[in-house]
Amino acid sequence: MAEYLTVSALTQYLKRKFVADPYLKEVYLTGEVSNFRPRSKHQYFSIKDEHAVINATLFQGVYRKLPFQLEAGMRVNVVGHIDLYAPNGGYSIIIERIEPDGVGALAVQYEQLKRKLETEGLFQQNQRAIPAFPKKIAVITSPSGAVIQDIRTTVQRRYPIAQIYLYPAVVQGQGSVPNLLQQLKRVAQVNYDVLIIGRGGGSIEDLWAFNDEQLARQLVQMPMPMISSVGHETDTTIADFIADQRAATPTAAAEIATPVLLTDLFNELNQTQMRMINSLSNRLNYLDERLTRVQQSAVLQQPTRLYEGLSRRVDLAQDRLAQMFKTQLTQNQHRLALIMPRLNNAMQRQIEQKQTRYARAVHGLDLMSPLAVLARGYSVTTNQNQQVVRQVGDVATGDQVYIQVNDGQILAQVTEIKKEND
């Protein structure tokens, strides 16, 4: 009778076959990355071609060392071993090495970094003009290469008064990026007019230090205009995109750094000097002619003519003023002569009206005056307190009273009081 196997036993048997098979211990595989979604640690995706697909596992240690960014749809070449995962019975390739198919890992890394920095706007950030008359030029390059010699020769020929300051750097190989960063930071601390950074030609591996992201970000922060001269004309690095200007050769970089030839500058200065001398001479001749014309003018030759017209105008104004005053005075006198009779008559009428009103007021006062009443035979009696006696109750028998009559006062004593009703 046949013996039945468990699923676990069969899976373990197959796993041992995968592990023991010498052809599956190191498999070289090419295909297209599929179903890739970046994870924080290990990466799980698929590799496929037109007819088949296989699961792939990329452990964290290998993934972090990749010099490029893995993407879905990328064609890759991988090296690894085949393993079977017992819980689901699926087999996959455990990747030990991976690189882009065709262009190579460095080219992919270059394009990915270029796209990243361009998206951030770093390539458009430095658009500064190169100074026309630089005094101090900093150069970061190898001290032993032909680059520094070409730059020095060209600057000496074109603009010898400019000073060149060499910052020797390692421009390729291990340690080149930290050394370049160190020299850039040193240059940034000094007030240079322009910076040239570069090296001679070489392979993409030789030029790779100038494709470093840290180097690119440090170049963006440089305070002075930069000229990149890395490799030959056909070589283009990230540093070329960051720099304010790119030069195909070190000689071209030196020419860009010294845009004005010293001989041209001297010629321009001489021409400017001649133009200034001619302009000043013409100006002096013009002023001299004006001075001569002014000195020969009639006003300076005969100064009295300057105020003759004014004196004549003053005399005429005085005559007109005197005539106007005389005419005004005559008119006012005539008006006064016409007004005086009317004024006298008005004043006389006013006086007569006032006198009439005064007489009427005096007569009215006489009619109301107590003296007039006394003159008609009436009298005014007051008691000892000088109070007017108006009724018999105001006095008593024996009181002294004063009787005011028209021509004097009578002192009397009350001997008897009689009321009208008694």
Protein backbone atom coordinates (compact mmCIF):
# COMPACT_ATOMS: atom_id res chain seq x y z
CA MET A 1 0.00 0.00 0.00
CA ALA A 2 1.38 3.46 -0.96
CA GLU A 3 2.51 5.86 1.80
CA TYR A 4 1.01 9.33 1.71
CA LEU A 5 3.24 12.36 2.37
CA THR A 6 2.23 15.41 4.28
CA VAL A 7 2.42 18.80 2.58
CA SER A 8 5.13 19.84 5.00
CA ALA A 9 7.21 16.75 4.25
CA LEU A 10 6.92 17.30 0.51
CA THR A 11 7.79 20.97 0.88
CA GLN A 12 10.84 20.18 3.02
CA TYR A 13 11.97 17.62 0.44
CA LEU A 14 11.67 20.15 -2.38
CA LYS A 15 13.48 22.79 -0.32
CA ARG A 16 16.41 20.39 0.21
CA LYS A 17 16.48 19.79 -3.55
CA PHE A 18 16.66 23.55 -4.21
CA VAL A 19 19.43 23.99 -1.65
CA ALA A 20 21.44 20.98 -2.80
CA ASP A 21 21.20 21.71 -6.53
CA PRO A 22 24.55 23.29 -7.57
CA TYR A 23 22.91 25.05 -10.51
CA LEU A 24 20.58 26.95 -8.20
CA LYS A 25 23.23 28.16 -5.74
CA GLU A 26 24.34 30.98 -8.04
CA VAL A 27 21.84 32.00 -10.69
CA TYR A 28 22.40 34.79 -13.22
CA LEU A 29 19.03 36.24 -14.16
CA THR A 30 17.87 39.09 -16.39
CA GLY A 31 14.40 40.56 -16.59
CA GLU A 32 12.09 43.46 -15.78
CA VAL A 33 11.31 44.66 -12.24
CA SER A 34 7.58 44.33 -11.48
CA ASN A 35 5.31 45.02 -8.48
CA PHE A 36 8.04 47.02 -6.73
CA ARG A 37 6.94 49.22 -3.84
CA PRO A 38 9.74 50.54 -1.55
CA ARG A 39 9.56 49.22 2.01
CA SER A 40 11.43 50.33 5.12
CA LYS A 41 13.54 47.14 5.35
CA HIS A 42 13.53 44.11 3.01
CA GLN A 43 12.21 44.53 -0.53
CA TYR A 44 9.82 42.02 -2.16
CA PHE A 45 8.98 42.24 -5.86
CA SER A 46 8.93 40.21 -9.07
CA ILE A 47 11.21 39.80 -12.09
CA LYS A 48 9.48 38.91 -15.33
CA ASP A 49 9.95 38.54 -19.06
CA GLU A 50 7.45 37.98 -21.85
CA HIS A 51 6.47 34.45 -20.77
CA ALA A 52 7.20 33.98 -17.06
CA VAL A 53 7.60 35.65 -13.69
CA ILE A 54 9.57 34.82 -10.55
CA ASN A 55 9.38 36.32 -7.07
CA ALA A 56 12.48 38.14 -5.84
CA THR A 57 13.73 39.10 -2.37
CA LEU A 58 16.27 41.86 -1.74
CA PHE A 59 17.40 41.99 1.86
CA GLN A 60 17.96 45.25 3.67
CA GLY A 61 21.78 45.10 3.75
CA VAL A 62 22.06 44.66 -0.03
CA TYR A 63 19.31 47.19 -0.82
CA ARG A 64 20.90 50.02 1.19
CA LYS A 65 24.19 49.60 -0.67
CA LEU A 66 22.64 50.04 -4.11
CA PRO A 67 24.21 53.05 -5.93
CA PHE A 68 20.94 53.68 -7.79
CA GLN A 69 17.24 53.83 -7.02
CA LEU A 70 15.38 50.66 -7.93
CA GLU A 71 12.18 51.35 -9.90
CA ALA A 72 9.33 49.33 -11.34
CA GLY A 73 9.75 48.68 -15.08
CA MET A 74 13.57 48.83 -14.88
CA ARG A 75 15.44 46.04 -16.71
CA VAL A 76 18.03 44.54 -14.38
CA ASN A 77 20.66 41.82 -14.20
CA VAL A 78 20.70 40.00 -10.87
CA VAL A 79 22.85 37.33 -9.23
CA GLY A 80 21.44 35.18 -6.41
CA HIS A 81 20.29 31.77 -5.31
CA ILE A 82 16.92 30.02 -5.48
CA ASP A 83 15.09 29.27 -2.28
CA LEU A 84 11.70 27.82 -1.41
CA TYR A 85 9.52 29.38 1.27
CA ALA A 86 7.75 26.54 3.05
CA PRO A 87 4.70 28.39 4.48
CA ASN A 88 3.30 29.18 1.03
CA GLY A 89 5.22 26.71 -1.08
CA GLY A 90 6.50 29.42 -3.36
CA TYR A 91 10.03 29.71 -4.63
CA SER A 92 11.95 32.93 -5.23
CA ILE A 93 15.40 34.22 -6.07
CA ILE A 94 17.33 35.73 -3.17
CA ILE A 95 19.27 38.60 -4.80
CA GLU A 96 22.88 39.09 -3.81
CA ARG A 97 23.86 41.56 -6.56
CA ILE A 98 21.74 43.69 -8.88
CA GLU A 99 22.52 46.27 -11.54
CA PRO A 100 20.65 47.91 -14.41
CA ASP A 101 20.76 46.07 -17.68
CA GLY A 102 22.58 47.82 -20.54
CA VAL A 103 23.57 51.36 -19.41
CA GLY A 104 25.08 50.35 -16.10
CA ALA A 105 24.46 51.33 -12.50
CA LEU A 106 26.42 54.59 -12.60
CA ALA A 107 24.51 55.87 -15.60
CA VAL A 108 21.20 55.09 -13.92
CA GLN A 109 22.34 56.71 -10.71
CA TYR A 110 23.46 59.76 -12.68
CA GLU A 111 20.11 60.15 -14.43
CA GLN A 112 18.15 59.64 -11.22
CA LEU A 113 20.19 62.26 -9.32
CA LYS A 114 20.00 64.66 -12.25
CA ARG A 115 16.21 64.32 -12.36
CA LYS A 116 15.95 64.77 -8.59
CA LEU A 117 18.06 67.93 -8.42
CA GLU A 118 16.39 69.40 -11.49
CA THR A 119 12.99 68.85 -9.90
CA GLU A 120 14.20 70.69 -6.78
CA GLY A 121 15.25 73.64 -8.96
CA LEU A 122 18.97 73.48 -8.11
CA PHE A 123 20.05 73.73 -11.75
CA GLN A 124 18.33 77.10 -12.16
CA GLN A 125 19.46 78.55 -8.83
CA ASN A 126 22.93 79.78 -9.88
CA GLN A 127 22.66 82.22 -12.80
CA ARG A 128 25.22 84.80 -11.69
CA ALA A 129 27.33 86.85 -14.09
CA ILE A 130 31.11 86.41 -14.16
CA PRO A 131 32.87 89.64 -13.02
CA ALA A 132 34.47 91.50 -15.92
CA PHE A 133 37.60 92.42 -13.94
CA PRO A 134 38.39 89.65 -11.41
CA LYS A 135 41.15 90.27 -8.88
CA LYS A 136 41.21 86.88 -7.14
CA ILE A 137 40.40 83.55 -8.82
CA ALA A 138 40.13 80.34 -6.76
CA VAL A 139 40.87 77.02 -8.49
CA ILE A 140 39.99 73.60 -7.05
CA THR A 141 41.74 70.84 -9.00
CA SER A 142 44.63 68.42 -8.85
CA PRO A 143 47.95 70.20 -8.18
CA SER A 144 49.86 67.90 -10.53
CA GLY A 145 47.57 67.77 -13.56
CA ALA A 146 47.61 69.83 -16.73
CA VAL A 147 44.44 71.66 -15.68
CA ILE A 148 46.11 74.13 -13.34
CA GLN A 149 48.92 74.78 -15.82
CA ASP A 150 46.48 75.56 -18.63
CA ILE A 151 44.51 77.90 -16.36
CA ARG A 152 47.61 79.75 -15.16
CA THR A 153 48.98 80.13 -18.70
CA THR A 154 45.70 81.44 -20.08
CA VAL A 155 45.11 83.90 -17.22
CA GLN A 156 48.69 85.16 -17.45
CA ARG A 157 48.23 85.78 -21.15
CA ARG A 158 44.78 87.39 -20.95
CA TYR A 159 44.66 89.17 -17.60
CA PRO A 160 47.98 88.91 -15.73
CA ILE A 161 46.95 91.21 -12.87
CA ALA A 162 44.47 88.56 -11.60
CA GLN A 163 45.77 86.39 -8.75
CA ILE A 164 45.22 82.61 -8.89
CA TYR A 165 44.78 80.70 -5.62
CA LEU A 166 45.09 76.92 -5.96
CA TYR A 167 43.22 74.64 -3.57
CA PRO A 168 44.73 71.18 -4.30
CA ALA A 169 42.16 68.40 -4.22
CA VAL A 170 41.77 64.70 -4.90
CA VAL A 171 39.59 64.62 -8.01
CA GLN A 172 38.95 60.89 -8.40
CA GLY A 173 38.83 57.68 -6.46
CA GLN A 174 38.05 56.95 -2.86
CA GLY A 175 38.20 60.02 -0.60
CA SER A 176 37.79 62.47 -3.47
CA VAL A 177 34.31 63.67 -2.46
CA PRO A 178 35.19 64.51 1.20
CA ASN A 179 38.35 66.27 0.01
CA LEU A 180 36.45 68.33 -2.57
CA LEU A 181 33.84 69.26 0.05
CA GLN A 182 36.57 70.36 2.43
CA GLN A 183 38.21 72.59 -0.19
CA LEU A 184 34.85 74.12 -1.20
CA LYS A 185 34.17 75.08 2.41
CA ARG A 186 37.63 76.70 2.64
CA VAL A 187 37.02 78.68 -0.54
CA ALA A 188 33.62 79.84 0.72
CA GLN A 189 35.30 81.55 3.68
CA VAL A 190 37.36 83.88 1.45
CA ASN A 191 36.06 86.71 -0.71
CA TYR A 192 36.99 85.44 -4.18
CA ASP A 193 35.63 86.93 -7.38
CA VAL A 194 35.16 83.61 -9.18
CA LEU A 195 35.76 79.88 -8.61
CA ILE A 196 36.98 77.33 -11.18
CA ILE A 197 36.47 73.66 -10.27
CA GLY A 198 37.44 70.84 -12.57
CA ARG A 199 39.75 68.11 -13.76
CA GLY A 200 40.88 66.47 -16.96
CA GLY A 201 39.04 63.86 -18.99
CA GLY A 202 38.41 60.26 -18.05
CA SER A 203 35.82 57.52 -17.76
CA ILE A 204 32.54 57.97 -15.93
CA GLU A 205 34.14 56.26 -12.95
CA ASP A 206 37.01 58.76 -12.98
CA LEU A 207 34.58 61.71 -13.10
CA TRP A 208 32.12 60.24 -10.64
CA ALA A 209 33.15 62.47 -7.71
CA PHE A 210 31.60 65.41 -9.58
CA ASN A 211 28.27 63.55 -9.76
CA ASP A 212 27.95 63.31 -5.98
CA GLU A 213 24.80 64.74 -4.38
CA GLN A 214 26.64 66.21 -1.38
CA LEU A 215 29.06 67.97 -3.70
CA ALA A 216 26.18 69.36 -5.77
CA ARG A 217 24.43 70.80 -2.72
CA GLN A 218 27.65 72.37 -1.47
CA LEU A 219 28.22 73.98 -4.88
CA VAL A 220 24.76 75.57 -4.70
CA GLN A 221 25.75 77.30 -1.45
CA MET A 222 28.97 78.86 -2.80
CA PRO A 223 28.86 82.68 -2.47
CA MET A 224 30.81 83.46 -5.67
CA PRO A 225 30.13 82.64 -9.35
CA MET A 226 31.44 79.22 -10.40
CA ILE A 227 32.85 77.79 -13.62
CA SER A 228 32.82 74.00 -14.01
CA SER A 229 35.42 72.36 -16.25
CA VAL A 230 35.17 68.62 -15.72
CA GLY A 231 36.39 66.20 -18.37
CA HIS A 232 36.14 66.83 -22.09
CA GLU A 233 33.44 68.64 -24.03
CA THR A 234 31.36 65.46 -24.37
CA ASP A 235 31.50 64.78 -20.62
CA THR A 236 28.69 66.35 -18.61
CA THR A 237 28.53 66.01 -14.83
CA ILE A 238 26.10 67.18 -12.16
CA ALA A 239 28.62 69.88 -11.23
CA ASP A 240 28.28 71.31 -14.76
CA PHE A 241 24.52 71.77 -14.25
CA ILE A 242 24.99 73.39 -10.83
CA ALA A 243 27.72 75.83 -11.87
CA ASP A 244 26.95 79.32 -13.16
CA GLN A 245 28.82 78.48 -16.37
CA ARG A 246 30.35 75.34 -17.91
CA ALA A 247 33.61 75.25 -19.82
CA ALA A 248 34.57 72.49 -22.21
CA THR A 249 38.27 72.73 -21.32
CA PRO A 250 40.43 74.30 -18.59
CA THR A 251 41.60 76.90 -21.13
CA ALA A 252 38.00 77.81 -21.90
CA ALA A 253 37.33 78.07 -18.15
CA ALA A 254 40.20 80.53 -17.75
CA GLU A 255 38.91 82.55 -20.71
CA ILE A 256 35.42 82.72 -19.18
CA ALA A 257 36.94 83.78 -15.84
CA THR A 258 38.80 86.63 -17.58
CA PRO A 259 36.24 87.93 -20.09
CA VAL A 260 38.22 91.11 -20.81
CA LEU A 261 41.77 91.01 -22.15
CA LEU A 262 44.17 93.30 -20.33
CA THR A 263 45.39 94.70 -23.67
CA ASP A 264 41.82 95.40 -24.68
CA LEU A 265 41.30 97.06 -21.32
CA PHE A 266 44.36 99.27 -21.82
CA ASN A 267 43.20 100.18 -25.33
CA GLU A 268 39.75 100.99 -24.04
CA LEU A 269 41.25 103.11 -21.25
CA ASN A 270 43.41 104.97 -23.76
CA GLN A 271 40.43 105.59 -26.01
CA THR A 272 38.36 106.71 -23.04
CA GLN A 273 41.17 109.03 -21.98
CA MET A 274 41.35 110.57 -25.45
CA ARG A 275 37.57 111.00 -25.53
CA MET A 276 37.67 112.69 -22.13
CA ILE A 277 40.51 114.98 -23.21
CA ASN A 278 38.68 115.93 -26.42
CA SER A 279 35.44 116.46 -24.55
CA LEU A 280 37.15 118.60 -21.92
CA SER A 281 39.00 120.61 -24.59
CA ASN A 282 35.76 121.23 -26.51
CA ARG A 283 34.07 122.26 -23.31
CA LEU A 284 36.86 124.68 -22.41
CA ASN A 285 36.77 126.20 -25.92
CA TYR A 286 33.02 126.64 -25.68
CA LEU A 287 33.27 128.30 -22.25
CA ASP A 288 36.11 130.53 -23.48
CA GLU A 289 33.97 131.70 -26.40
CA ARG A 290 31.06 132.40 -24.09
CA LEU A 291 33.33 134.37 -21.75
CA THR A 292 34.62 136.46 -24.67
CA ARG A 293 31.07 137.19 -25.84
CA VAL A 294 30.02 138.19 -22.34
CA GLN A 295 33.07 140.43 -21.87
CA GLN A 296 32.34 142.17 -25.18
CA SER A 297 28.64 142.64 -24.46
CA ALA A 298 27.28 146.21 -24.38
CA VAL A 299 26.16 145.82 -20.77
CA LEU A 300 29.69 145.24 -19.51
CA GLN A 301 31.17 147.83 -21.86
CA GLN A 302 28.66 150.50 -20.78
CA PRO A 303 27.22 149.46 -17.39
CA THR A 304 24.98 152.56 -17.19
CA ARG A 305 22.92 151.15 -20.01
CA LEU A 306 21.91 148.35 -17.70
CA TYR A 307 19.74 150.64 -15.56
CA GLU A 308 18.91 153.45 -17.98
CA GLY A 309 15.67 151.80 -18.94
CA LEU A 310 14.81 151.11 -15.32
CA SER A 311 15.52 154.73 -14.31
CA ARG A 312 13.28 155.94 -17.11
CA ARG A 313 10.50 153.63 -15.99
CA VAL A 314 10.83 154.87 -12.38
CA ASP A 315 10.52 158.50 -13.49
CA LEU A 316 7.44 157.75 -15.53
CA ALA A 317 5.92 155.84 -12.62
CA GLN A 318 6.57 158.77 -10.26
CA ASP A 319 4.91 161.19 -12.67
CA ARG A 320 1.90 158.94 -13.05
CA LEU A 321 1.65 158.53 -9.28
CA ALA A 322 1.79 162.31 -8.66
CA GLN A 323 -0.85 162.94 -11.34
CA MET A 324 -3.07 160.22 -9.91
CA PHE A 325 -2.72 161.70 -6.40
CA LYS A 326 -3.56 165.19 -7.63
CA THR A 327 -6.59 163.96 -9.57
CA GLN A 328 -7.81 161.96 -6.60
CA LEU A 329 -7.42 164.95 -4.28
CA THR A 330 -9.39 167.21 -6.65
CA GLN A 331 -12.16 164.66 -6.92
CA ASN A 332 -12.38 164.28 -3.14
CA GLN A 333 -12.47 168.06 -2.61
CA HIS A 334 -15.29 168.38 -5.14
CA ARG A 335 -17.23 165.60 -3.46
CA LEU A 336 -16.69 167.28 -0.08
CA ALA A 337 -17.98 170.61 -1.40
CA LEU A 338 -21.12 168.85 -2.61
CA ILE A 339 -21.65 167.00 0.63
CA MET A 340 -21.08 169.88 3.17
CA PRO A 341 -24.41 171.79 2.56
CA ARG A 342 -26.38 168.60 2.88
CA LEU A 343 -24.42 167.68 5.97
CA ASN A 344 -25.06 171.08 7.66
CA ASN A 345 -28.79 170.91 6.93
CA ALA A 346 -28.97 167.36 8.26
CA MET A 347 -27.09 168.38 11.42
CA GLN A 348 -29.39 171.37 11.98
CA ARG A 349 -32.48 169.20 11.61
CA GLN A 350 -31.04 166.66 13.97
CA ILE A 351 -30.32 169.34 16.62
CA GLU A 352 -33.82 170.79 16.34
CA GLN A 353 -35.37 167.33 16.71
CA LYS A 354 -33.27 166.64 19.80
CA GLN A 355 -34.19 170.02 21.35
CA THR A 356 -37.90 169.38 20.79
CA ARG A 357 -37.67 165.96 22.36
CA TYR A 358 -35.75 167.46 25.30
CA ALA A 359 -38.39 170.13 25.92
CA ARG A 360 -41.11 167.51 25.88
CA ALA A 361 -39.23 165.35 28.33
CA VAL A 362 -38.67 168.31 30.71
CA HIS A 363 -42.35 169.22 30.57
CA GLY A 364 -43.31 165.61 31.30
CA LEU A 365 -40.95 165.57 34.27
CA ASP A 366 -42.43 168.81 35.61
CA LEU A 367 -45.89 167.31 35.47
CA MET A 368 -44.71 164.28 37.42
CA SER A 369 -42.49 166.18 39.87
CA PRO A 370 -43.65 166.29 43.60
CA LEU A 371 -42.51 169.92 43.73
CA ALA A 372 -45.13 170.85 41.18
CA VAL A 373 -47.77 169.13 43.28
CA LEU A 374 -46.58 171.06 46.38
CA ALA A 375 -46.74 174.29 44.43
CA ARG A 376 -50.43 173.73 43.90
CA GLY A 377 -51.06 173.67 47.67
CA TYR A 378 -50.39 170.08 48.55
CA SER A 379 -47.98 168.90 51.27
CA VAL A 380 -46.13 165.69 52.30
CA THR A 381 -46.15 164.57 55.95
CA THR A 382 -43.46 162.27 57.38
CA ASN A 383 -43.04 160.82 60.89
CA GLN A 384 -39.99 160.92 63.09
CA ASN A 385 -38.50 158.01 61.04
CA GLN A 386 -38.80 160.03 57.84
CA GLN A 387 -41.54 157.67 56.64
CA VAL A 388 -44.43 159.16 54.64
CA VAL A 389 -47.67 159.27 56.60
CA ARG A 390 -50.34 157.82 54.35
CA GLN A 391 -53.09 157.06 56.92
CA VAL A 392 -54.00 158.02 60.48
CA GLY A 393 -52.72 154.70 61.73
CA ASP A 394 -49.17 155.69 60.80
CA VAL A 395 -49.00 158.21 63.73
CA ALA A 396 -50.15 158.42 67.32
CA THR A 397 -51.21 161.31 69.57
CA GLY A 398 -48.15 163.19 70.73
CA ASP A 399 -45.96 162.17 67.77
CA GLN A 400 -43.97 164.83 66.06
CA VAL A 401 -44.42 165.02 62.31
CA TYR A 402 -42.79 166.96 59.51
CA ILE A 403 -44.89 168.70 56.92
CA GLN A 404 -43.17 169.47 53.60
CA VAL A 405 -44.73 172.40 51.71
CA ASN A 406 -43.66 174.21 48.55
CA ASP A 407 -41.23 176.63 50.19
CA GLY A 408 -40.09 174.69 53.29
CA GLN A 409 -40.81 172.30 56.16
CA ILE A 410 -43.12 172.62 59.20
CA LEU A 411 -42.54 170.76 62.49
CA ALA A 412 -45.84 169.82 64.20
CA GLN A 413 -47.18 167.63 66.98
CA VAL A 414 -50.22 165.36 66.74
CA THR A 415 -52.80 166.42 69.32
CA GLU A 416 -55.78 164.53 68.00
CA ILE A 417 -56.50 161.81 65.46
CA LYS A 418 -59.83 161.61 63.64
CA LYS A 419 -60.78 159.01 61.08
CA GLU A 420 -63.13 159.70 58.18
CA ASN A 421 -65.84 157.48 59.67
CA ASP A 422 -65.79 159.17 63.11
